[in-house]
Amino acid sequence: MFKSLESILLFVDVQPKTIKGEKGKVITDEIVKLINFKWDSIYAVKWFSEENSTFHLARKTLLSEKEAGDTDIRIEKYLTLATFPKQAPSSFSNKELAQILEKEKVDGKNIFVVGFDYDDCVLSTVLDGHSRNLRIFAVNELCGNAERKGSIDKNLIPSARLLLKNAGCLISLQDIMLV
């Protein structure tokens, strides 16, 4: 499907301290394997929820940046820049990262998104990027629900998939590997 991997990999909320359940850990292990591809840039965002943040107001969840922890150590050493913090579902809520990704639109690069939660932060990030006319895709098999406090109901994942598919923003891992 893609002629080139002149692309960006964006890790969304891959923070071991906040990922609960075996499925989240399995997805994280699979996500880490993507580092072996040749990427132009690799970025990561991490969530936390201070008082009056979007997360706090919407879900009544409080979690300091320290409590939320860092991006998985297996990922951090490959990042193009330091991890970008966010306190709202879309990764574009971090203005610095938004500017960097907007520049990539000019270069025509694909942005592949992996991480947590599929029906919340991944969905918000991809649809936000799509509305900015970016070439952005969620990698279906590498997005999941972290089963953490404040997670939206995992039964919404099929609806999130359908929204992304209908927007043309859903890709399978196999499509990336065939490149």
N, C-alpha and C. Protein backbone atom coordinates (compact mmCIF):
# COMPACT_ATOMS: atom_id res chain seq x y z
N MET A 1 0.81 -1.19 0.00
CA MET A 1 0.00 0.00 0.00
C MET A 1 0.86 1.26 0.00
N PHE A 2 1.95 1.28 0.75
CA PHE A 2 2.81 2.46 0.83
C PHE A 2 4.11 2.14 0.12
N LYS A 3 4.50 3.01 -0.77
CA LYS A 3 5.69 2.78 -1.58
C LYS A 3 6.98 2.98 -0.79
N SER A 4 6.90 3.75 0.29
CA SER A 4 8.11 4.10 1.00
C SER A 4 7.81 4.22 2.49
N LEU A 5 8.80 3.97 3.29
CA LEU A 5 8.62 4.18 4.72
C LEU A 5 9.22 5.51 5.12
N GLU A 6 9.13 6.49 4.22
CA GLU A 6 9.49 7.85 4.59
C GLU A 6 8.37 8.32 5.49
N SER A 7 8.43 7.87 6.71
CA SER A 7 7.30 8.01 7.60
C SER A 7 7.73 8.29 9.02
N ILE A 8 6.72 8.63 9.80
CA ILE A 8 6.90 8.94 11.20
C ILE A 8 6.12 7.93 12.02
N LEU A 9 6.70 7.52 13.11
CA LEU A 9 6.03 6.63 14.05
C LEU A 9 5.72 7.45 15.29
N LEU A 10 4.45 7.43 15.71
CA LEU A 10 4.02 8.17 16.90
C LEU A 10 3.47 7.21 17.93
N PHE A 11 4.15 7.13 19.07
CA PHE A 11 3.70 6.31 20.19
C PHE A 11 2.80 7.16 21.07
N VAL A 12 1.59 6.67 21.33
CA VAL A 12 0.64 7.40 22.16
C VAL A 12 0.44 6.67 23.48
N ASP A 13 0.85 7.30 24.55
CA ASP A 13 0.60 6.84 25.92
C ASP A 13 1.07 5.41 26.20
N VAL A 14 2.27 5.09 25.73
CA VAL A 14 2.86 3.77 25.99
C VAL A 14 3.72 3.91 27.25
N GLN A 15 3.02 3.96 28.40
CA GLN A 15 3.65 4.19 29.70
C GLN A 15 3.37 2.98 30.60
N PRO A 16 4.38 2.15 30.87
CA PRO A 16 4.16 0.94 31.66
C PRO A 16 3.46 1.16 32.99
N LYS A 17 3.69 2.31 33.64
CA LYS A 17 3.06 2.55 34.95
C LYS A 17 1.55 2.68 34.85
N THR A 18 1.04 3.00 33.66
CA THR A 18 -0.41 3.21 33.54
C THR A 18 -1.11 2.12 32.75
N ILE A 19 -0.37 1.15 32.25
CA ILE A 19 -0.98 0.07 31.46
C ILE A 19 -1.26 -1.12 32.37
N LYS A 20 -2.50 -1.49 32.44
CA LYS A 20 -2.92 -2.62 33.27
C LYS A 20 -3.40 -3.75 32.36
N GLY A 21 -3.39 -4.95 32.88
CA GLY A 21 -3.92 -6.08 32.12
C GLY A 21 -2.90 -6.66 31.16
N GLU A 22 -3.04 -7.94 30.90
CA GLU A 22 -2.11 -8.67 30.05
C GLU A 22 -2.15 -8.22 28.60
N LYS A 23 -3.35 -7.93 28.07
CA LYS A 23 -3.47 -7.52 26.67
C LYS A 23 -2.67 -6.25 26.39
N GLY A 24 -2.72 -5.29 27.30
CA GLY A 24 -1.95 -4.06 27.14
C GLY A 24 -0.46 -4.32 27.09
N LYS A 25 -0.01 -5.25 27.90
CA LYS A 25 1.42 -5.58 27.92
C LYS A 25 1.84 -6.30 26.64
N VAL A 26 0.98 -7.16 26.12
CA VAL A 26 1.27 -7.87 24.86
C VAL A 26 1.35 -6.86 23.71
N ILE A 27 0.40 -5.93 23.66
CA ILE A 27 0.42 -4.91 22.61
C ILE A 27 1.68 -4.07 22.72
N THR A 28 2.06 -3.70 23.93
CA THR A 28 3.28 -2.92 24.14
C THR A 28 4.49 -3.67 23.60
N ASP A 29 4.61 -4.95 23.87
CA ASP A 29 5.73 -5.75 23.36
C ASP A 29 5.75 -5.74 21.83
N GLU A 30 4.60 -5.82 21.21
CA GLU A 30 4.51 -5.80 19.74
C GLU A 30 4.86 -4.41 19.20
N ILE A 31 4.42 -3.38 19.89
CA ILE A 31 4.70 -2.01 19.47
C ILE A 31 6.21 -1.78 19.42
N VAL A 32 6.91 -2.25 20.43
CA VAL A 32 8.35 -2.03 20.51
C VAL A 32 9.07 -2.61 19.29
N LYS A 33 8.55 -3.69 18.73
CA LYS A 33 9.17 -4.31 17.55
C LYS A 33 9.17 -3.39 16.33
N LEU A 34 8.25 -2.43 16.28
CA LEU A 34 8.18 -1.51 15.14
C LEU A 34 9.43 -0.65 15.01
N ILE A 35 10.17 -0.51 16.08
CA ILE A 35 11.37 0.32 16.06
C ILE A 35 12.37 -0.21 15.03
N ASN A 36 12.29 -1.50 14.72
CA ASN A 36 13.24 -2.11 13.79
C ASN A 36 13.07 -1.64 12.35
N PHE A 37 11.93 -1.02 12.02
CA PHE A 37 11.75 -0.45 10.69
C PHE A 37 12.56 0.83 10.57
N LYS A 38 12.80 1.26 9.35
CA LYS A 38 13.50 2.53 9.14
C LYS A 38 12.46 3.65 9.14
N TRP A 39 12.55 4.51 10.14
CA TRP A 39 11.63 5.64 10.26
C TRP A 39 12.40 6.93 10.13
N ASP A 40 11.78 7.93 9.52
CA ASP A 40 12.41 9.25 9.46
C ASP A 40 12.48 9.87 10.86
N SER A 41 11.40 9.69 11.59
CA SER A 41 11.33 10.24 12.94
C SER A 41 10.46 9.35 13.81
N ILE A 42 10.77 9.32 15.09
CA ILE A 42 9.95 8.58 16.06
C ILE A 42 9.66 9.54 17.21
N TYR A 43 8.36 9.72 17.49
CA TYR A 43 7.93 10.60 18.57
C TYR A 43 7.05 9.82 19.55
N ALA A 44 6.91 10.37 20.73
CA ALA A 44 6.02 9.77 21.73
C ALA A 44 5.35 10.88 22.53
N VAL A 45 4.12 10.61 22.91
CA VAL A 45 3.41 11.47 23.84
C VAL A 45 3.06 10.65 25.07
N LYS A 46 2.99 11.33 26.21
CA LYS A 46 2.57 10.65 27.43
C LYS A 46 1.49 11.49 28.10
N TRP A 47 0.55 10.81 28.70
CA TRP A 47 -0.56 11.50 29.34
C TRP A 47 -0.35 11.59 30.84
N PHE A 48 -0.91 12.60 31.40
CA PHE A 48 -1.07 12.72 32.84
C PHE A 48 -2.26 13.64 33.06
N SER A 49 -2.74 13.72 34.28
CA SER A 49 -3.99 14.42 34.52
C SER A 49 -3.93 15.22 35.81
N GLU A 50 -3.62 16.50 35.67
CA GLU A 50 -3.61 17.38 36.83
C GLU A 50 -4.98 18.04 36.97
N GLU A 51 -5.20 18.66 38.09
CA GLU A 51 -6.49 19.29 38.35
C GLU A 51 -6.84 20.29 37.24
N ASN A 52 -8.09 20.22 36.80
CA ASN A 52 -8.66 21.07 35.75
C ASN A 52 -8.15 20.77 34.34
N SER A 53 -7.39 19.70 34.16
CA SER A 53 -7.01 19.29 32.81
C SER A 53 -8.23 18.66 32.15
N THR A 54 -8.16 18.47 30.84
CA THR A 54 -9.27 17.82 30.13
C THR A 54 -9.56 16.45 30.69
N PHE A 55 -8.50 15.66 30.96
CA PHE A 55 -8.71 14.32 31.53
C PHE A 55 -9.42 14.41 32.88
N HIS A 56 -8.98 15.33 33.72
CA HIS A 56 -9.57 15.46 35.04
C HIS A 56 -11.04 15.87 34.95
N LEU A 57 -11.32 16.87 34.14
CA LEU A 57 -12.69 17.37 34.03
C LEU A 57 -13.63 16.34 33.42
N ALA A 58 -13.16 15.60 32.43
CA ALA A 58 -14.02 14.63 31.74
C ALA A 58 -14.19 13.32 32.50
N ARG A 59 -13.13 12.88 33.19
CA ARG A 59 -13.16 11.55 33.80
C ARG A 59 -12.94 11.54 35.30
N LYS A 60 -12.76 12.69 35.87
CA LYS A 60 -12.50 12.80 37.32
C LYS A 60 -11.26 11.99 37.72
N THR A 61 -10.28 11.97 36.82
CA THR A 61 -9.05 11.23 37.06
C THR A 61 -7.93 12.22 37.35
N LEU A 62 -7.25 12.03 38.47
CA LEU A 62 -6.07 12.82 38.80
C LEU A 62 -4.86 11.89 38.81
N LEU A 63 -3.83 12.28 38.08
CA LEU A 63 -2.61 11.49 38.01
C LEU A 63 -1.48 12.44 37.67
N SER A 64 -0.55 12.61 38.58
CA SER A 64 0.56 13.54 38.34
C SER A 64 1.45 13.00 37.22
N GLU A 65 2.26 13.88 36.67
CA GLU A 65 3.18 13.46 35.62
C GLU A 65 4.14 12.39 36.15
N LYS A 66 4.56 12.54 37.40
CA LYS A 66 5.46 11.56 38.01
C LYS A 66 4.76 10.21 38.18
N GLU A 67 3.52 10.22 38.66
CA GLU A 67 2.76 8.98 38.85
C GLU A 67 2.49 8.28 37.52
N ALA A 68 2.24 9.05 36.48
CA ALA A 68 1.96 8.47 35.16
C ALA A 68 3.18 7.78 34.58
N GLY A 69 4.35 8.25 34.96
CA GLY A 69 5.58 7.61 34.50
C GLY A 69 5.97 8.00 33.09
N ASP A 70 7.11 7.48 32.68
CA ASP A 70 7.67 7.79 31.37
C ASP A 70 7.23 6.79 30.33
N THR A 71 7.50 7.14 29.09
CA THR A 71 7.30 6.22 27.98
C THR A 71 8.19 5.00 28.20
N ASP A 72 7.75 3.85 27.73
CA ASP A 72 8.49 2.60 27.87
C ASP A 72 9.96 2.82 27.53
N ILE A 73 10.84 2.40 28.40
CA ILE A 73 12.29 2.61 28.25
C ILE A 73 12.82 2.00 26.95
N ARG A 74 12.18 0.94 26.48
CA ARG A 74 12.63 0.32 25.22
C ARG A 74 12.38 1.22 24.03
N ILE A 75 11.51 2.19 24.18
CA ILE A 75 11.17 3.13 23.12
C ILE A 75 11.98 4.41 23.25
N GLU A 76 12.14 4.89 24.47
CA GLU A 76 12.72 6.21 24.72
C GLU A 76 14.06 6.45 24.04
N LYS A 77 14.91 5.46 24.00
CA LYS A 77 16.24 5.69 23.45
C LYS A 77 16.23 5.88 21.93
N TYR A 78 15.11 5.57 21.27
CA TYR A 78 15.01 5.72 19.82
C TYR A 78 14.27 6.99 19.39
N LEU A 79 13.77 7.75 20.35
CA LEU A 79 12.97 8.92 20.03
C LEU A 79 13.82 10.02 19.38
N THR A 80 13.22 10.68 18.40
CA THR A 80 13.88 11.79 17.73
C THR A 80 14.05 12.96 18.69
N LEU A 81 13.03 13.21 19.50
CA LEU A 81 13.06 14.24 20.54
C LEU A 81 12.51 13.62 21.82
N ALA A 82 12.60 14.35 22.91
CA ALA A 82 12.05 13.87 24.17
C ALA A 82 10.55 13.64 24.04
N THR A 83 10.01 12.87 24.96
CA THR A 83 8.57 12.60 24.97
C THR A 83 7.81 13.90 25.23
N PHE A 84 6.70 14.07 24.52
CA PHE A 84 5.87 15.25 24.66
C PHE A 84 4.73 14.97 25.64
N PRO A 85 4.58 15.78 26.68
CA PRO A 85 3.48 15.57 27.62
C PRO A 85 2.17 16.15 27.08
N LYS A 86 1.05 15.56 27.52
CA LYS A 86 -0.26 16.08 27.13
C LYS A 86 -1.26 15.84 28.26
N GLN A 87 -2.25 16.71 28.34
CA GLN A 87 -3.30 16.56 29.34
C GLN A 87 -4.68 16.58 28.68
N ALA A 88 -4.73 16.21 27.42
CA ALA A 88 -5.97 16.10 26.67
C ALA A 88 -5.82 14.90 25.73
N PRO A 89 -6.91 14.32 25.26
CA PRO A 89 -6.80 13.10 24.45
C PRO A 89 -5.95 13.22 23.19
N SER A 90 -6.09 14.27 22.41
CA SER A 90 -5.34 14.38 21.17
C SER A 90 -3.87 14.73 21.43
N SER A 91 -2.99 14.04 20.73
CA SER A 91 -1.56 14.37 20.83
C SER A 91 -1.29 15.77 20.31
N PHE A 92 -2.18 16.28 19.49
CA PHE A 92 -2.03 17.62 18.95
C PHE A 92 -2.28 18.70 20.00
N SER A 93 -2.72 18.30 21.19
CA SER A 93 -2.89 19.27 22.27
C SER A 93 -1.53 19.78 22.76
N ASN A 94 -0.46 19.04 22.45
CA ASN A 94 0.89 19.53 22.72
C ASN A 94 1.29 20.37 21.50
N LYS A 95 1.36 21.67 21.70
CA LYS A 95 1.58 22.60 20.58
C LYS A 95 2.91 22.37 19.86
N GLU A 96 3.95 22.02 20.60
CA GLU A 96 5.25 21.78 19.97
C GLU A 96 5.19 20.59 19.02
N LEU A 97 4.59 19.50 19.48
CA LEU A 97 4.45 18.32 18.63
C LEU A 97 3.54 18.64 17.44
N ALA A 98 2.47 19.36 17.68
CA ALA A 98 1.54 19.72 16.59
C ALA A 98 2.29 20.47 15.49
N GLN A 99 3.16 21.40 15.85
CA GLN A 99 3.93 22.14 14.85
C GLN A 99 4.87 21.23 14.07
N ILE A 100 5.51 20.31 14.76
CA ILE A 100 6.42 19.38 14.10
C ILE A 100 5.65 18.51 13.10
N LEU A 101 4.51 17.99 13.52
CA LEU A 101 3.73 17.11 12.64
C LEU A 101 3.11 17.89 11.48
N GLU A 102 2.73 19.13 11.70
CA GLU A 102 2.22 19.98 10.62
C GLU A 102 3.29 20.16 9.55
N LYS A 103 4.55 20.29 9.96
CA LYS A 103 5.64 20.44 8.99
C LYS A 103 5.76 19.17 8.14
N GLU A 104 5.50 18.04 8.74
CA GLU A 104 5.59 16.78 8.01
C GLU A 104 4.55 16.70 6.89
N LYS A 105 3.44 17.40 7.06
CA LYS A 105 2.42 17.45 6.01
C LYS A 105 3.02 18.02 4.73
N VAL A 106 3.83 19.06 4.89
CA VAL A 106 4.47 19.70 3.75
C VAL A 106 5.39 18.71 3.05
N ASP A 107 6.05 17.86 3.82
CA ASP A 107 6.96 16.87 3.25
C ASP A 107 6.23 15.63 2.74
N GLY A 108 4.92 15.54 2.95
CA GLY A 108 4.12 14.42 2.45
C GLY A 108 4.38 13.09 3.13
N LYS A 109 4.85 13.13 4.37
CA LYS A 109 5.17 11.88 5.08
C LYS A 109 3.92 11.28 5.71
N ASN A 110 3.95 9.96 5.83
CA ASN A 110 2.89 9.24 6.53
C ASN A 110 3.21 9.25 8.02
N ILE A 111 2.16 9.36 8.83
CA ILE A 111 2.32 9.29 10.27
C ILE A 111 1.54 8.07 10.74
N PHE A 112 2.24 7.12 11.35
CA PHE A 112 1.61 5.90 11.85
C PHE A 112 1.52 5.99 13.37
N VAL A 113 0.31 5.80 13.89
CA VAL A 113 0.03 5.96 15.31
C VAL A 113 -0.22 4.59 15.94
N VAL A 114 0.44 4.35 17.07
CA VAL A 114 0.25 3.12 17.84
C VAL A 114 0.13 3.49 19.31
N GLY A 115 -0.58 2.69 20.09
CA GLY A 115 -0.64 2.94 21.52
C GLY A 115 -2.01 2.80 22.13
N PHE A 116 -2.27 3.63 23.13
CA PHE A 116 -3.43 3.49 24.00
C PHE A 116 -4.12 4.83 24.21
N ASP A 117 -5.30 4.85 24.57
CA ASP A 117 -6.40 3.95 24.39
C ASP A 117 -6.98 4.14 23.00
N TYR A 118 -7.29 3.04 22.37
CA TYR A 118 -7.77 3.04 20.98
C TYR A 118 -8.97 3.97 20.81
N ASP A 119 -9.92 3.84 21.74
CA ASP A 119 -11.19 4.56 21.61
C ASP A 119 -11.15 5.96 22.21
N ASP A 120 -9.97 6.43 22.55
CA ASP A 120 -9.86 7.74 23.19
C ASP A 120 -8.69 8.51 22.59
N CYS A 121 -7.51 8.35 23.13
CA CYS A 121 -6.37 9.15 22.71
C CYS A 121 -5.90 8.82 21.29
N VAL A 122 -5.89 7.55 20.92
CA VAL A 122 -5.51 7.18 19.56
C VAL A 122 -6.54 7.73 18.58
N LEU A 123 -7.81 7.48 18.86
CA LEU A 123 -8.88 7.97 17.99
C LEU A 123 -8.82 9.50 17.86
N SER A 124 -8.70 10.20 18.97
CA SER A 124 -8.65 11.67 18.96
C SER A 124 -7.45 12.19 18.17
N THR A 125 -6.30 11.56 18.38
CA THR A 125 -5.08 11.98 17.68
C THR A 125 -5.22 11.80 16.17
N VAL A 126 -5.68 10.63 15.76
CA VAL A 126 -5.76 10.35 14.32
C VAL A 126 -6.82 11.23 13.65
N LEU A 127 -7.98 11.37 14.26
CA LEU A 127 -9.01 12.21 13.65
C LEU A 127 -8.60 13.68 13.65
N ASP A 128 -7.91 14.12 14.69
CA ASP A 128 -7.41 15.49 14.73
C ASP A 128 -6.38 15.70 13.61
N GLY A 129 -5.48 14.77 13.45
CA GLY A 129 -4.49 14.86 12.36
C GLY A 129 -5.15 14.83 10.99
N HIS A 130 -6.15 13.98 10.85
CA HIS A 130 -6.89 13.89 9.59
C HIS A 130 -7.57 15.22 9.27
N SER A 131 -8.15 15.86 10.29
CA SER A 131 -8.82 17.15 10.07
C SER A 131 -7.82 18.24 9.68
N ARG A 132 -6.54 18.01 9.97
CA ARG A 132 -5.48 18.95 9.58
C ARG A 132 -4.87 18.56 8.23
N ASN A 133 -5.50 17.61 7.55
CA ASN A 133 -5.06 17.12 6.24
C ASN A 133 -3.70 16.43 6.27
N LEU A 134 -3.39 15.80 7.38
CA LEU A 134 -2.16 15.01 7.47
C LEU A 134 -2.43 13.60 6.97
N ARG A 135 -1.40 12.94 6.51
CA ARG A 135 -1.49 11.53 6.11
C ARG A 135 -1.22 10.70 7.36
N ILE A 136 -2.27 10.46 8.13
CA ILE A 136 -2.12 9.85 9.45
C ILE A 136 -2.99 8.60 9.54
N PHE A 137 -2.44 7.55 10.15
CA PHE A 137 -3.11 6.26 10.20
C PHE A 137 -2.90 5.60 11.56
N ALA A 138 -3.93 4.97 12.09
CA ALA A 138 -3.80 4.12 13.27
C ALA A 138 -3.45 2.72 12.78
N VAL A 139 -2.47 2.09 13.41
CA VAL A 139 -2.11 0.72 13.07
C VAL A 139 -3.00 -0.18 13.93
N ASN A 140 -3.98 -0.79 13.28
CA ASN A 140 -5.06 -1.49 13.97
C ASN A 140 -4.59 -2.46 15.07
N GLU A 141 -3.67 -3.35 14.74
CA GLU A 141 -3.26 -4.38 15.68
C GLU A 141 -2.42 -3.85 16.84
N LEU A 142 -1.92 -2.63 16.70
CA LEU A 142 -1.02 -2.09 17.72
C LEU A 142 -1.63 -0.93 18.49
N CYS A 143 -2.95 -0.92 18.53
CA CYS A 143 -3.68 0.03 19.35
C CYS A 143 -4.61 -0.78 20.25
N GLY A 144 -4.70 -0.39 21.49
CA GLY A 144 -5.53 -1.16 22.42
C GLY A 144 -6.03 -0.31 23.55
N ASN A 145 -6.58 -0.99 24.53
CA ASN A 145 -7.10 -0.33 25.72
C ASN A 145 -6.22 -0.75 26.89
N ALA A 146 -5.71 0.21 27.62
CA ALA A 146 -4.75 -0.06 28.69
C ALA A 146 -5.40 -0.52 29.99
N GLU A 147 -6.72 -0.53 30.04
CA GLU A 147 -7.46 -0.96 31.23
C GLU A 147 -7.02 -0.21 32.47
N ARG A 148 -6.73 1.06 32.31
CA ARG A 148 -6.30 1.88 33.44
C ARG A 148 -7.48 2.66 34.00
N LYS A 149 -7.29 3.21 35.17
CA LYS A 149 -8.31 4.05 35.76
C LYS A 149 -8.58 5.22 34.81
N GLY A 150 -9.83 5.47 34.51
CA GLY A 150 -10.18 6.55 33.61
C GLY A 150 -10.31 6.11 32.17
N SER A 151 -9.97 4.83 31.86
CA SER A 151 -10.13 4.35 30.49
C SER A 151 -11.61 4.31 30.13
N ILE A 152 -11.86 4.60 28.88
CA ILE A 152 -13.23 4.49 28.39
C ILE A 152 -13.51 3.01 28.17
N ASP A 153 -14.77 2.63 28.18
CA ASP A 153 -15.21 1.25 28.02
C ASP A 153 -14.57 0.59 26.78
N LYS A 154 -13.86 -0.53 26.98
CA LYS A 154 -13.19 -1.20 25.86
C LYS A 154 -14.16 -1.70 24.81
N ASN A 155 -15.45 -1.77 25.13
CA ASN A 155 -16.44 -2.18 24.14
C ASN A 155 -16.65 -1.13 23.06
N LEU A 156 -16.06 0.05 23.24
CA LEU A 156 -16.16 1.10 22.23
C LEU A 156 -15.09 0.98 21.14
N ILE A 157 -14.15 0.06 21.32
CA ILE A 157 -13.07 -0.09 20.34
C ILE A 157 -13.60 -0.40 18.94
N PRO A 158 -14.59 -1.30 18.77
CA PRO A 158 -15.10 -1.52 17.42
C PRO A 158 -15.66 -0.25 16.77
N SER A 159 -16.28 0.60 17.55
CA SER A 159 -16.80 1.87 17.01
C SER A 159 -15.65 2.78 16.60
N ALA A 160 -14.59 2.81 17.39
CA ALA A 160 -13.42 3.62 17.04
C ALA A 160 -12.81 3.12 15.74
N ARG A 161 -12.68 1.80 15.60
CA ARG A 161 -12.14 1.22 14.36
C ARG A 161 -12.98 1.63 13.16
N LEU A 162 -14.29 1.55 13.30
CA LEU A 162 -15.18 1.90 12.21
C LEU A 162 -15.04 3.37 11.83
N LEU A 163 -14.96 4.25 12.80
CA LEU A 163 -14.77 5.67 12.52
C LEU A 163 -13.48 5.90 11.74
N LEU A 164 -12.40 5.27 12.18
CA LEU A 164 -11.11 5.44 11.51
C LEU A 164 -11.12 4.82 10.11
N LYS A 165 -11.74 3.68 9.99
CA LYS A 165 -11.83 3.04 8.67
C LYS A 165 -12.60 3.91 7.70
N ASN A 166 -13.73 4.43 8.15
CA ASN A 166 -14.55 5.28 7.28
C ASN A 166 -13.83 6.57 6.89
N ALA A 167 -12.93 7.04 7.74
CA ALA A 167 -12.16 8.25 7.44
C ALA A 167 -10.93 7.93 6.58
N GLY A 168 -10.68 6.64 6.32
CA GLY A 168 -9.51 6.24 5.54
C GLY A 168 -8.23 6.33 6.34
N CYS A 169 -8.34 6.20 7.66
CA CYS A 169 -7.19 6.41 8.55
C CYS A 169 -6.82 5.15 9.33
N LEU A 170 -7.23 3.99 8.85
CA LEU A 170 -6.92 2.74 9.54
C LEU A 170 -6.08 1.87 8.62
N ILE A 171 -5.01 1.32 9.16
CA ILE A 171 -4.12 0.46 8.39
C ILE A 171 -3.78 -0.76 9.22
N SER A 172 -3.49 -1.85 8.55
CA SER A 172 -3.09 -3.06 9.28
C SER A 172 -1.57 -3.12 9.33
N LEU A 173 -1.07 -3.83 10.31
CA LEU A 173 0.37 -4.03 10.44
C LEU A 173 0.92 -4.70 9.19
N GLN A 174 0.17 -5.61 8.63
CA GLN A 174 0.60 -6.31 7.41
C GLN A 174 0.84 -5.33 6.26
N ASP A 175 -0.01 -4.31 6.14
CA ASP A 175 0.19 -3.32 5.07
C ASP A 175 1.52 -2.57 5.24
N ILE A 176 1.91 -2.31 6.46
CA ILE A 176 3.19 -1.64 6.69
C ILE A 176 4.34 -2.60 6.39
N MET A 177 4.20 -3.85 6.78
CA MET A 177 5.27 -4.83 6.62
C MET A 177 5.50 -5.22 5.17
N LEU A 178 4.49 -5.01 4.31
CA LEU A 178 4.63 -5.35 2.89
C LEU A 178 5.42 -4.31 2.11
N VAL A 179 5.69 -3.21 2.74
CA VAL A 179 6.38 -2.12 2.06
C VAL A 179 7.79 -2.53 1.70
